[in-house]
Amino acid sequence: MEDAQGGEEKSFVVDEVNAVVKESIENTIQNAAYHHNKVAQWNSNIVELCLKKLTQLNKPFKYIVTCTVMQKNGAGLHAASSAFWDSTTDGSTTYKYDSKTMYVIVSVFGLAI
């Protein structure tokens, strides 16, 4: 049982990271409607909150967090990412927040130290 818990402490747990991202987005956006003048601040707040909360998990990772805030107006968005890493220790997740007026898409990459 100890080994399983020890492995959990050193692994990138997608559900745990997604919960951090969801909380960071909701604390920042707070059901607000899309407003162009607020997007830059929202972006900064979301990535900073995510990084703060992820580092508080005390896991042996370096994190990379990206955030895209897009007005919901029918426009398309296509994105891709690729990484060369150790798939047994490193990981990534993308979380999409969807409101009536915007999308917020956050990607987190966790690289084992």
PDB file of N, CA and C in Angstrom:
ATOM      1  N   MET A   1       0.823  -1.198   0.000  1.00  0.00           N
ATOM      2  CA  MET A   1       0.000   0.000   0.000  1.00  0.00           C
ATOM      3  C   MET A   1       0.863   1.256   0.000  1.00  0.00           C
ATOM      4  N   GLU A   2       1.966   1.229   0.742  1.00  0.00           N
ATOM      5  CA  GLU A   2       2.842   2.398   0.781  1.00  0.00           C
ATOM      6  C   GLU A   2       3.415   2.707  -0.588  1.00  0.00           C
ATOM      7  N   ASP A   3       3.791   1.645  -1.348  1.00  0.00           N
ATOM      8  CA  ASP A   3       4.357   1.864  -2.668  1.00  0.00           C
ATOM      9  C   ASP A   3       3.358   2.543  -3.594  1.00  0.00           C
ATOM     10  N   ALA A   4       2.104   2.138  -3.515  1.00  0.00           N
ATOM     11  CA  ALA A   4       1.071   2.747  -4.361  1.00  0.00           C
ATOM     12  C   ALA A   4       0.902   4.221  -4.023  1.00  0.00           C
ATOM     13  N   GLN A   5       0.919   4.548  -2.745  1.00  0.00           N
ATOM     14  CA  GLN A   5       0.783   5.945  -2.350  1.00  0.00           C
ATOM     15  C   GLN A   5       2.023   6.735  -2.736  1.00  0.00           C
ATOM     16  N   GLY A   6       3.189   6.137  -2.593  1.00  0.00           N
ATOM     17  CA  GLY A   6       4.430   6.816  -2.971  1.00  0.00           C
ATOM     18  C   GLY A   6       4.463   7.109  -4.453  1.00  0.00           C
ATOM     19  N   GLY A   7       3.981   6.149  -5.280  1.00  0.00           N
ATOM     20  CA  GLY A   7       3.915   6.361  -6.720  1.00  0.00           C
ATOM     21  C   GLY A   7       2.929   7.451  -7.071  1.00  0.00           C
ATOM     22  N   GLU A   8       1.821   7.501  -6.348  1.00  0.00           N
ATOM     23  CA  GLU A   8       0.790   8.525  -6.571  1.00  0.00           C
ATOM     24  C   GLU A   8       1.365   9.913  -6.309  1.00  0.00           C
ATOM     25  N   GLU A   9       2.196  10.034  -5.278  1.00  0.00           N
ATOM     26  CA  GLU A   9       2.776  11.335  -4.926  1.00  0.00           C
ATOM     27  C   GLU A   9       3.717  11.841  -6.010  1.00  0.00           C
ATOM     28  N   LYS A  10       4.315  10.930  -6.784  1.00  0.00           N
ATOM     29  CA  LYS A  10       5.290  11.318  -7.795  1.00  0.00           C
ATOM     30  C   LYS A  10       4.717  11.318  -9.204  1.00  0.00           C
ATOM     31  N   SER A  11       3.437  10.965  -9.343  1.00  0.00           N
ATOM     32  CA  SER A  11       2.851  10.881 -10.671  1.00  0.00           C
ATOM     33  C   SER A  11       2.006  12.111 -10.987  1.00  0.00           C
ATOM     34  N   PHE A  12       1.833  12.348 -12.272  1.00  0.00           N
ATOM     35  CA  PHE A  12       0.994  13.442 -12.765  1.00  0.00           C
ATOM     36  C   PHE A  12      -0.436  12.914 -12.812  1.00  0.00           C
ATOM     37  N   VAL A  13      -1.278  13.386 -11.903  1.00  0.00           N
ATOM     38  CA  VAL A  13      -2.652  12.894 -11.795  1.00  0.00           C
ATOM     39  C   VAL A  13      -3.578  13.887 -12.498  1.00  0.00           C
ATOM     40  N   VAL A  14      -4.094  13.490 -13.652  1.00  0.00           N
ATOM     41  CA  VAL A  14      -4.898  14.384 -14.491  1.00  0.00           C
ATOM     42  C   VAL A  14      -6.104  14.936 -13.742  1.00  0.00           C
ATOM     43  N   ASP A  15      -6.840  14.090 -13.026  1.00  0.00           N
ATOM     44  CA  ASP A  15      -8.030  14.565 -12.307  1.00  0.00           C
ATOM     45  C   ASP A  15      -7.680  15.624 -11.265  1.00  0.00           C
ATOM     46  N   GLU A  16      -6.570  15.431 -10.585  1.00  0.00           N
ATOM     47  CA  GLU A  16      -6.125  16.389  -9.568  1.00  0.00           C
ATOM     48  C   GLU A  16      -5.753  17.726 -10.215  1.00  0.00           C
ATOM     49  N   VAL A  17      -5.045  17.671 -11.330  1.00  0.00           N
ATOM     50  CA  VAL A  17      -4.635  18.888 -12.041  1.00  0.00           C
ATOM     51  C   VAL A  17      -5.854  19.592 -12.619  1.00  0.00           C
ATOM     52  N   ASN A  18      -6.784  18.837 -13.213  1.00  0.00           N
ATOM     53  CA  ASN A  18      -7.999  19.445 -13.760  1.00  0.00           C
ATOM     54  C   ASN A  18      -8.816  20.149 -12.681  1.00  0.00           C
ATOM     55  N   ALA A  19      -8.852  19.588 -11.483  1.00  0.00           N
ATOM     56  CA  ALA A  19      -9.578  20.231 -10.373  1.00  0.00           C
ATOM     57  C   ALA A  19      -8.940  21.571 -10.024  1.00  0.00           C
ATOM     58  N   VAL A  20      -7.609  21.630 -10.037  1.00  0.00           N
ATOM     59  CA  VAL A  20      -6.891  22.883  -9.774  1.00  0.00           C
ATOM     60  C   VAL A  20      -7.219  23.908 -10.855  1.00  0.00           C
ATOM     61  N   VAL A  21      -7.195  23.483 -12.100  1.00  0.00           N
ATOM     62  CA  VAL A  21      -7.474  24.385 -13.219  1.00  0.00           C
ATOM     63  C   VAL A  21      -8.911  24.901 -13.149  1.00  0.00           C
ATOM     64  N   LYS A  22      -9.865  23.999 -12.931  1.00  0.00           N
ATOM     65  CA  LYS A  22     -11.279  24.385 -12.844  1.00  0.00           C
ATOM     66  C   LYS A  22     -11.488  25.428 -11.753  1.00  0.00           C
ATOM     67  N   GLU A  23     -10.913  25.189 -10.584  1.00  0.00           N
ATOM     68  CA  GLU A  23     -11.048  26.125  -9.469  1.00  0.00           C
ATOM     69  C   GLU A  23     -10.421  27.476  -9.808  1.00  0.00           C
ATOM     70  N   SER A  24      -9.269  27.464 -10.451  1.00  0.00           N
ATOM     71  CA  SER A  24      -8.578  28.707 -10.821  1.00  0.00           C
ATOM     72  C   SER A  24      -9.393  29.515 -11.815  1.00  0.00           C
ATOM     73  N   ILE A  25      -9.992  28.837 -12.796  1.00  0.00           N
ATOM     74  CA  ILE A  25     -10.828  29.534 -13.782  1.00  0.00           C
ATOM     75  C   ILE A  25     -12.068  30.113 -13.108  1.00  0.00           C
ATOM     76  N   GLU A  26     -12.748  29.291 -12.334  1.00  0.00           N
ATOM     77  CA  GLU A  26     -13.990  29.754 -11.701  1.00  0.00           C
ATOM     78  C   GLU A  26     -13.744  30.894 -10.720  1.00  0.00           C
ATOM     79  N   ASN A  27     -12.632  30.858  -9.987  1.00  0.00           N
ATOM     80  CA  ASN A  27     -12.307  31.952  -9.065  1.00  0.00           C
ATOM     81  C   ASN A  27     -11.985  33.243  -9.817  1.00  0.00           C
ATOM     82  N   THR A  28     -11.464  33.120 -11.018  1.00  0.00           N
ATOM     83  CA  THR A  28     -11.092  34.299 -11.802  1.00  0.00           C
ATOM     84  C   THR A  28     -12.276  34.853 -12.580  1.00  0.00           C
ATOM     85  N   ILE A  29     -12.964  34.003 -13.305  1.00  0.00           N
ATOM     86  CA  ILE A  29     -14.045  34.451 -14.186  1.00  0.00           C
ATOM     87  C   ILE A  29     -15.307  34.799 -13.405  1.00  0.00           C
ATOM     88  N   GLN A  30     -15.656  33.996 -12.423  1.00  0.00           N
ATOM     89  CA  GLN A  30     -16.833  34.219 -11.565  1.00  0.00           C
ATOM     90  C   GLN A  30     -18.100  34.517 -12.365  1.00  0.00           C
ATOM     91  N   ASN A  31     -18.377  33.685 -13.361  1.00  0.00           N
ATOM     92  CA  ASN A  31     -19.581  33.803 -14.184  1.00  0.00           C
ATOM     93  C   ASN A  31     -19.706  35.123 -14.940  1.00  0.00           C
ATOM     94  N   ALA A  32     -18.621  35.847 -15.119  1.00  0.00           N
ATOM     95  CA  ALA A  32     -18.665  37.109 -15.862  1.00  0.00           C
ATOM     96  C   ALA A  32     -18.874  36.842 -17.346  1.00  0.00           C
ATOM     97  N   ALA A  33     -19.451  37.805 -18.027  1.00  0.00           N
ATOM     98  CA  ALA A  33     -19.579  37.734 -19.479  1.00  0.00           C
ATOM     99  C   ALA A  33     -18.246  38.139 -20.107  1.00  0.00           C
ATOM    100  N   TYR A  34     -18.002  37.679 -21.329  1.00  0.00           N
ATOM    101  CA  TYR A  34     -16.770  38.045 -22.045  1.00  0.00           C
ATOM    102  C   TYR A  34     -16.686  39.559 -22.168  1.00  0.00           C
ATOM    103  N   HIS A  35     -15.519  40.082 -21.829  1.00  0.00           N
ATOM    104  CA  HIS A  35     -15.268  41.513 -21.974  1.00  0.00           C
ATOM    105  C   HIS A  35     -13.820  41.667 -22.413  1.00  0.00           C
ATOM    106  N   HIS A  36     -13.630  42.167 -23.624  1.00  0.00           N
ATOM    107  CA  HIS A  36     -12.301  42.258 -24.233  1.00  0.00           C
ATOM    108  C   HIS A  36     -11.260  42.905 -23.307  1.00  0.00           C
ATOM    109  N   ASN A  37     -11.643  43.956 -22.612  1.00  0.00           N
ATOM    110  CA  ASN A  37     -10.701  44.685 -21.758  1.00  0.00           C
ATOM    111  C   ASN A  37     -10.250  43.891 -20.534  1.00  0.00           C
ATOM    112  N   LYS A  38     -10.945  42.822 -20.205  1.00  0.00           N
ATOM    113  CA  LYS A  38     -10.602  42.027 -19.023  1.00  0.00           C
ATOM    114  C   LYS A  38      -9.800  40.767 -19.345  1.00  0.00           C
ATOM    115  N   VAL A  39      -9.715  40.410 -20.616  1.00  0.00           N
ATOM    116  CA  VAL A  39      -9.114  39.138 -21.012  1.00  0.00           C
ATOM    117  C   VAL A  39      -7.650  39.020 -20.590  1.00  0.00           C
ATOM    118  N   ALA A  40      -6.862  40.041 -20.779  1.00  0.00           N
ATOM    119  CA  ALA A  40      -5.439  39.961 -20.416  1.00  0.00           C
ATOM    120  C   ALA A  40      -5.269  39.696 -18.922  1.00  0.00           C
ATOM    121  N   GLN A  41      -6.041  40.370 -18.106  1.00  0.00           N
ATOM    122  CA  GLN A  41      -5.952  40.163 -16.652  1.00  0.00           C
ATOM    123  C   GLN A  41      -6.447  38.775 -16.272  1.00  0.00           C
ATOM    124  N   TRP A  42      -7.541  38.327 -16.894  1.00  0.00           N
ATOM    125  CA  TRP A  42      -8.038  36.975 -16.623  1.00  0.00           C
ATOM    126  C   TRP A  42      -6.979  35.935 -16.970  1.00  0.00           C
ATOM    127  N   ASN A  43      -6.365  36.089 -18.137  1.00  0.00           N
ATOM    128  CA  ASN A  43      -5.321  35.157 -18.556  1.00  0.00           C
ATOM    129  C   ASN A  43      -4.208  35.084 -17.516  1.00  0.00           C
ATOM    130  N   SER A  44      -3.706  36.233 -17.120  1.00  0.00           N
ATOM    131  CA  SER A  44      -2.621  36.277 -16.132  1.00  0.00           C
ATOM    132  C   SER A  44      -3.042  35.645 -14.809  1.00  0.00           C
ATOM    133  N   ASN A  45      -4.226  36.005 -14.333  1.00  0.00           N
ATOM    134  CA  ASN A  45      -4.706  35.470 -13.053  1.00  0.00           C
ATOM    135  C   ASN A  45      -4.849  33.954 -13.098  1.00  0.00           C
ATOM    136  N   ILE A  46      -5.395  33.439 -14.184  1.00  0.00           N
ATOM    137  CA  ILE A  46      -5.621  31.992 -14.289  1.00  0.00           C
ATOM    138  C   ILE A  46      -4.299  31.233 -14.262  1.00  0.00           C
ATOM    139  N   VAL A  47      -3.331  31.642 -15.075  1.00  0.00           N
ATOM    140  CA  VAL A  47      -2.065  30.889 -15.099  1.00  0.00           C
ATOM    141  C   VAL A  47      -1.318  31.040 -13.774  1.00  0.00           C
ATOM    142  N   GLU A  48      -1.358  32.222 -13.163  1.00  0.00           N
ATOM    143  CA  GLU A  48      -0.678  32.417 -11.879  1.00  0.00           C
ATOM    144  C   GLU A  48      -1.334  31.596 -10.770  1.00  0.00           C
ATOM    145  N   LEU A  49      -2.670  31.580 -10.729  1.00  0.00           N
ATOM    146  CA  LEU A  49      -3.375  30.771  -9.724  1.00  0.00           C
ATOM    147  C   LEU A  49      -3.092  29.283  -9.916  1.00  0.00           C
ATOM    148  N   CYS A  50      -3.127  28.832 -11.167  1.00  0.00           N
ATOM    149  CA  CYS A  50      -2.830  27.425 -11.446  1.00  0.00           C
ATOM    150  C   CYS A  50      -1.429  27.065 -10.957  1.00  0.00           C
ATOM    151  N   LEU A  51      -0.450  27.867 -11.309  1.00  0.00           N
ATOM    152  CA  LEU A  51       0.927  27.572 -10.893  1.00  0.00           C
ATOM    153  C   LEU A  51       1.070  27.576  -9.372  1.00  0.00           C
ATOM    154  N   LYS A  52       0.442  28.529  -8.730  1.00  0.00           N
ATOM    155  CA  LYS A  52       0.513  28.601  -7.265  1.00  0.00           C
ATOM    156  C   LYS A  52      -0.076  27.342  -6.633  1.00  0.00           C
ATOM    157  N   LYS A  53      -1.271  26.951  -7.094  1.00  0.00           N
ATOM    158  CA  LYS A  53      -1.952  25.787  -6.512  1.00  0.00           C
ATOM    159  C   LYS A  53      -1.230  24.483  -6.874  1.00  0.00           C
ATOM    160  N   LEU A  54      -0.688  24.391  -8.082  1.00  0.00           N
ATOM    161  CA  LEU A  54       0.033  23.185  -8.478  1.00  0.00           C
ATOM    162  C   LEU A  54       1.305  23.011  -7.652  1.00  0.00           C
ATOM    163  N   THR A  55       2.025  24.091  -7.417  1.00  0.00           N
ATOM    164  CA  THR A  55       3.241  23.970  -6.609  1.00  0.00           C
ATOM    165  C   THR A  55       2.917  23.635  -5.157  1.00  0.00           C
ATOM    166  N   GLN A  56       1.724  24.027  -4.685  1.00  0.00           N
ATOM    167  CA  GLN A  56       1.307  23.693  -3.323  1.00  0.00           C
ATOM    168  C   GLN A  56       0.991  22.205  -3.158  1.00  0.00           C
ATOM    169  N   LEU A  57       0.864  21.482  -4.271  1.00  0.00           N
ATOM    170  CA  LEU A  57       0.664  20.033  -4.196  1.00  0.00           C
ATOM    171  C   LEU A  57       1.944  19.315  -3.746  1.00  0.00           C
ATOM    172  N   ASN A  58       3.063  20.038  -3.793  1.00  0.00           N
ATOM    173  CA  ASN A  58       4.369  19.505  -3.374  1.00  0.00           C
ATOM    174  C   ASN A  58       4.745  18.224  -4.108  1.00  0.00           C
ATOM    175  N   LYS A  59       4.538  18.233  -5.400  1.00  0.00           N
ATOM    176  CA  LYS A  59       4.945  17.098  -6.230  1.00  0.00           C
ATOM    177  C   LYS A  59       6.215  17.483  -6.976  1.00  0.00           C
ATOM    178  N   PRO A  60       7.041  16.494  -7.316  1.00  0.00           N
ATOM    179  CA  PRO A  60       8.333  16.788  -7.962  1.00  0.00           C
ATOM    180  C   PRO A  60       8.183  17.078  -9.455  1.00  0.00           C
ATOM    181  N   PHE A  61       7.556  18.204  -9.781  1.00  0.00           N
ATOM    182  CA  PHE A  61       7.331  18.578 -11.175  1.00  0.00           C
ATOM    183  C   PHE A  61       7.697  20.027 -11.432  1.00  0.00           C
ATOM    184  N   LYS A  62       8.111  20.259 -12.658  1.00  0.00           N
ATOM    185  CA  LYS A  62       8.147  21.608 -13.208  1.00  0.00           C
ATOM    186  C   LYS A  62       6.878  21.699 -14.041  1.00  0.00           C
ATOM    187  N   TYR A  63       6.172  22.819 -13.940  1.00  0.00           N
ATOM    188  CA  TYR A  63       4.899  22.965 -14.646  1.00  0.00           C
ATOM    189  C   TYR A  63       4.974  24.041 -15.710  1.00  0.00           C
ATOM    190  N   ILE A  64       4.262  23.797 -16.779  1.00  0.00           N
ATOM    191  CA  ILE A  64       4.051  24.782 -17.836  1.00  0.00           C
ATOM    192  C   ILE A  64       2.540  24.923 -17.965  1.00  0.00           C
ATOM    193  N   VAL A  65       2.035  26.156 -17.882  1.00  0.00           N
ATOM    194  CA  VAL A  65       0.592  26.397 -17.968  1.00  0.00           C
ATOM    195  C   VAL A  65       0.336  27.415 -19.069  1.00  0.00           C
ATOM    196  N   THR A  66      -0.581  27.081 -19.977  1.00  0.00           N
ATOM    197  CA  THR A  66      -1.003  28.033 -21.012  1.00  0.00           C
ATOM    198  C   THR A  66      -2.507  28.245 -20.884  1.00  0.00           C
ATOM    199  N   CYS A  67      -2.943  29.428 -21.277  1.00  0.00           N
ATOM    200  CA  CYS A  67      -4.370  29.750 -21.181  1.00  0.00           C
ATOM    201  C   CYS A  67      -4.801  30.538 -22.414  1.00  0.00           C
ATOM    202  N   THR A  68      -5.934  30.146 -22.966  1.00  0.00           N
ATOM    203  CA  THR A  68      -6.547  30.861 -24.082  1.00  0.00           C
ATOM    204  C   THR A  68      -7.961  31.232 -23.674  1.00  0.00           C
ATOM    205  N   VAL A  69      -8.297  32.514 -23.812  1.00  0.00           N
ATOM    206  CA  VAL A  69      -9.660  32.979 -23.558  1.00  0.00           C
ATOM    207  C   VAL A  69     -10.194  33.461 -24.904  1.00  0.00           C
ATOM    208  N   MET A  70     -11.323  32.890 -25.298  1.00  0.00           N
ATOM    209  CA  MET A  70     -11.870  33.183 -26.622  1.00  0.00           C
ATOM    210  C   MET A  70     -13.353  33.497 -26.523  1.00  0.00           C
ATOM    211  N   GLN A  71     -13.743  34.599 -27.148  1.00  0.00           N
ATOM    212  CA  GLN A  71     -15.163  34.957 -27.174  1.00  0.00           C
ATOM    213  C   GLN A  71     -15.925  33.914 -27.976  1.00  0.00           C
ATOM    214  N   LYS A  72     -17.092  33.563 -27.483  1.00  0.00           N
ATOM    215  CA  LYS A  72     -17.945  32.583 -28.169  1.00  0.00           C
ATOM    216  C   LYS A  72     -18.738  33.334 -29.229  1.00  0.00           C
ATOM    217  N   ASN A  73     -18.241  33.250 -30.469  1.00  0.00           N
ATOM    218  CA  ASN A  73     -18.910  33.970 -31.557  1.00  0.00           C
ATOM    219  C   ASN A  73     -18.968  33.150 -32.839  1.00  0.00           C
ATOM    220  N   GLY A  74     -18.729  31.865 -32.734  1.00  0.00           N
ATOM    221  CA  GLY A  74     -18.819  31.001 -33.899  1.00  0.00           C
ATOM    222  C   GLY A  74     -17.504  30.796 -34.640  1.00  0.00           C
ATOM    223  N   ALA A  75     -16.464  31.503 -34.252  1.00  0.00           N
ATOM    224  CA  ALA A  75     -15.169  31.345 -34.910  1.00  0.00           C
ATOM    225  C   ALA A  75     -14.534  30.017 -34.504  1.00  0.00           C
ATOM    226  N   GLY A  76     -13.742  29.475 -35.381  1.00  0.00           N
ATOM    227  CA  GLY A  76     -13.058  28.217 -35.100  1.00  0.00           C
ATOM    228  C   GLY A  76     -11.721  28.452 -34.407  1.00  0.00           C
ATOM    229  N   LEU A  77     -11.286  27.442 -33.679  1.00  0.00           N
ATOM    230  CA  LEU A  77      -9.969  27.484 -33.039  1.00  0.00           C
ATOM    231  C   LEU A  77      -9.384  26.092 -33.133  1.00  0.00           C
ATOM    232  N   HIS A  78      -8.200  26.012 -33.692  1.00  0.00           N
ATOM    233  CA  HIS A  78      -7.511  24.730 -33.811  1.00  0.00           C
ATOM    234  C   HIS A  78      -6.135  24.901 -33.181  1.00  0.00           C
ATOM    235  N   ALA A  79      -5.753  23.942 -32.362  1.00  0.00           N
ATOM    236  CA  ALA A  79      -4.451  24.010 -31.701  1.00  0.00           C
ATOM    237  C   ALA A  79      -3.909  22.599 -31.551  1.00  0.00           C
ATOM    238  N   ALA A  80      -2.600  22.501 -31.438  1.00  0.00           N
ATOM    239  CA  ALA A  80      -1.960  21.195 -31.232  1.00  0.00           C
ATOM    240  C   ALA A  80      -0.709  21.405 -30.398  1.00  0.00           C
ATOM    241  N   SER A  81      -0.297  20.354 -29.725  1.00  0.00           N
ATOM    242  CA  SER A  81       0.969  20.400 -28.998  1.00  0.00           C
ATOM    243  C   SER A  81       1.588  19.017 -29.061  1.00  0.00           C
ATOM    244  N   SER A  82       2.877  18.988 -28.874  1.00  0.00           N
ATOM    245  CA  SER A  82       3.604  17.732 -28.905  1.00  0.00           C
ATOM    246  C   SER A  82       4.767  17.843 -27.935  1.00  0.00           C
ATOM    247  N   ALA A  83       5.150  16.727 -27.365  1.00  0.00           N
ATOM    248  CA  ALA A  83       6.254  16.753 -26.415  1.00  0.00           C
ATOM    249  C   ALA A  83       7.058  15.466 -26.529  1.00  0.00           C
ATOM    250  N   PHE A  84       8.341  15.576 -26.294  1.00  0.00           N
ATOM    251  CA  PHE A  84       9.225  14.413 -26.217  1.00  0.00           C
ATOM    252  C   PHE A  84       9.625  14.302 -24.762  1.00  0.00           C
ATOM    253  N   TRP A  85       9.096  13.277 -24.076  1.00  0.00           N
ATOM    254  CA  TRP A  85       9.323  13.168 -22.653  1.00  0.00           C
ATOM    255  C   TRP A  85       9.207  11.731 -22.198  1.00  0.00           C
ATOM    256  N   ASP A  86       9.322  11.524 -20.908  1.00  0.00           N
ATOM    257  CA  ASP A  86       9.185  10.202 -20.315  1.00  0.00           C
ATOM    258  C   ASP A  86       7.721  10.010 -19.936  1.00  0.00           C
ATOM    259  N   SER A  87       6.998   9.219 -20.704  1.00  0.00           N
ATOM    260  CA  SER A  87       5.562   9.061 -20.472  1.00  0.00           C
ATOM    261  C   SER A  87       5.243   8.320 -19.177  1.00  0.00           C
ATOM    262  N   THR A  88       6.239   7.743 -18.532  1.00  0.00           N
ATOM    263  CA  THR A  88       5.973   7.080 -17.253  1.00  0.00           C
ATOM    264  C   THR A  88       5.947   8.069 -16.094  1.00  0.00           C
ATOM    265  N   THR A  89       6.542   9.243 -16.267  1.00  0.00           N
ATOM    266  CA  THR A  89       6.584  10.219 -15.171  1.00  0.00           C
ATOM    267  C   THR A  89       5.957  11.561 -15.534  1.00  0.00           C
ATOM    268  N   ASP A  90       6.067  11.971 -16.777  1.00  0.00           N
ATOM    269  CA  ASP A  90       5.571  13.279 -17.205  1.00  0.00           C
ATOM    270  C   ASP A  90       4.130  13.158 -17.691  1.00  0.00           C
ATOM    271  N   GLY A  91       3.428  14.287 -17.749  1.00  0.00           N
ATOM    272  CA  GLY A  91       2.055  14.232 -18.219  1.00  0.00           C
ATOM    273  C   GLY A  91       1.527  15.589 -18.620  1.00  0.00           C
ATOM    274  N   SER A  92       0.333  15.565 -19.205  1.00  0.00           N
ATOM    275  CA  SER A  92      -0.314  16.821 -19.593  1.00  0.00           C
ATOM    276  C   SER A  92      -1.817  16.623 -19.584  1.00  0.00           C
ATOM    277  N   THR A  93      -2.510  17.747 -19.529  1.00  0.00           N
ATOM    278  CA  THR A  93      -3.963  17.740 -19.619  1.00  0.00           C
ATOM    279  C   THR A  93      -4.412  19.081 -20.177  1.00  0.00           C
ATOM    280  N   THR A  94      -5.555  19.074 -20.814  1.00  0.00           N
ATOM    281  CA  THR A  94      -6.181  20.302 -21.296  1.00  0.00           C
ATOM    282  C   THR A  94      -7.597  20.338 -20.748  1.00  0.00           C
ATOM    283  N   TYR A  95      -7.954  21.466 -20.153  1.00  0.00           N
ATOM    284  CA  TYR A  95      -9.264  21.638 -19.542  1.00  0.00           C
ATOM    285  C   TYR A  95      -9.993  22.759 -20.278  1.00  0.00           C
ATOM    286  N   LYS A  96     -11.241  22.516 -20.652  1.00  0.00           N
ATOM    287  CA  LYS A  96     -12.043  23.530 -21.357  1.00  0.00           C
ATOM    288  C   LYS A  96     -13.205  23.972 -20.483  1.00  0.00           C
ATOM    289  N   TYR A  97     -13.253  25.264 -20.244  1.00  0.00           N
ATOM    290  CA  TYR A  97     -14.358  25.895 -19.516  1.00  0.00           C
ATOM    291  C   TYR A  97     -15.244  26.551 -20.559  1.00  0.00           C
ATOM    292  N   ASP A  98     -16.528  26.312 -20.455  1.00  0.00           N
ATOM    293  CA  ASP A  98     -17.473  26.774 -21.460  1.00  0.00           C
ATOM    294  C   ASP A  98     -18.587  27.563 -20.775  1.00  0.00           C
ATOM    295  N   SER A  99     -18.687  28.856 -21.092  1.00  0.00           N
ATOM    296  CA  SER A  99     -19.784  29.663 -20.555  1.00  0.00           C
ATOM    297  C   SER A  99     -20.651  30.141 -21.721  1.00  0.00           C
ATOM    298  N   LYS A 100     -21.630  30.965 -21.429  1.00  0.00           N
ATOM    299  CA  LYS A 100     -22.519  31.464 -22.484  1.00  0.00           C
ATOM    300  C   LYS A 100     -21.788  32.378 -23.462  1.00  0.00           C
ATOM    301  N   THR A 101     -20.732  33.057 -22.998  1.00  0.00           N
ATOM    302  CA  THR A 101     -20.091  34.070 -23.841  1.00  0.00           C
ATOM    303  C   THR A 101     -18.635  33.792 -24.197  1.00  0.00           C
ATOM    304  N   MET A 102     -18.036  32.757 -23.600  1.00  0.00           N
ATOM    305  CA  MET A 102     -16.615  32.516 -23.880  1.00  0.00           C
ATOM    306  C   MET A 102     -16.201  31.074 -23.616  1.00  0.00           C
ATOM    307  N   TYR A 103     -15.034  30.758 -24.167  1.00  0.00           N
ATOM    308  CA  TYR A 103     -14.333  29.519 -23.867  1.00  0.00           C
ATOM    309  C   TYR A 103     -13.040  29.899 -23.168  1.00  0.00           C
ATOM    310  N   VAL A 104     -12.653  29.109 -22.187  1.00  0.00           N
ATOM    311  CA  VAL A 104     -11.336  29.251 -21.570  1.00  0.00           C
ATOM    312  C   VAL A 104     -10.686  27.871 -21.662  1.00  0.00           C
ATOM    313  N   ILE A 105      -9.548  27.822 -22.315  1.00  0.00           N
ATOM    314  CA  ILE A 105      -8.856  26.552 -22.535  1.00  0.00           C
ATOM    315  C   ILE A 105      -7.488  26.643 -21.880  1.00  0.00           C
ATOM    316  N   VAL A 106      -7.260  25.764 -20.908  1.00  0.00           N
ATOM    317  CA  VAL A 106      -6.004  25.761 -20.157  1.00  0.00           C
ATOM    318  C   VAL A 106      -5.307  24.419 -20.370  1.00  0.00           C
ATOM    319  N   SER A 107      -4.042  24.483 -20.746  1.00  0.00           N
ATOM    320  CA  SER A 107      -3.215  23.282 -20.867  1.00  0.00           C
ATOM    321  C   SER A 107      -2.145  23.326 -19.796  1.00  0.00           C
ATOM    322  N   VAL A 108      -1.920  22.182 -19.167  1.00  0.00           N
ATOM    323  CA  VAL A 108      -0.877  22.050 -18.145  1.00  0.00           C
ATOM    324  C   VAL A 108       0.018  20.894 -18.520  1.00  0.00           C
ATOM    325  N   PHE A 109       1.314  21.154 -18.502  1.00  0.00           N
ATOM    326  CA  PHE A 109       2.319  20.128 -18.737  1.00  0.00           C
ATOM    327  C   PHE A 109       3.100  19.966 -17.443  1.00  0.00           C
ATOM    328  N   GLY A 110       3.240  18.741 -16.990  1.00  0.00           N
ATOM    329  CA  GLY A 110       4.010  18.458 -15.784  1.00  0.00           C
ATOM    330  C   GLY A 110       5.216  17.620 -16.133  1.00  0.00           C
ATOM    331  N   LEU A 111       6.407  18.158 -15.873  1.00  0.00           N
ATOM    332  CA  LEU A 111       7.659  17.479 -16.200  1.00  0.00           C
ATOM    333  C   LEU A 111       8.368  17.085 -14.911  1.00  0.00           C
ATOM    334  N   ALA A 112       8.570  15.793 -14.728  1.00  0.00           N
ATOM    335  CA  ALA A 112       9.170  15.293 -13.489  1.00  0.00           C
ATOM    336  C   ALA A 112      10.578  15.845 -13.314  1.00  0.00           C
ATOM    337  N   ILE A 113      10.887  16.189 -12.076  1.00  0.00           N
ATOM    338  CA  ILE A 113      12.220  16.703 -11.742  1.00  0.00           C
ATOM    339  C   ILE A 113      13.112  15.521 -11.406  1.00  0.00           C
TER     340      ILE A 113
END
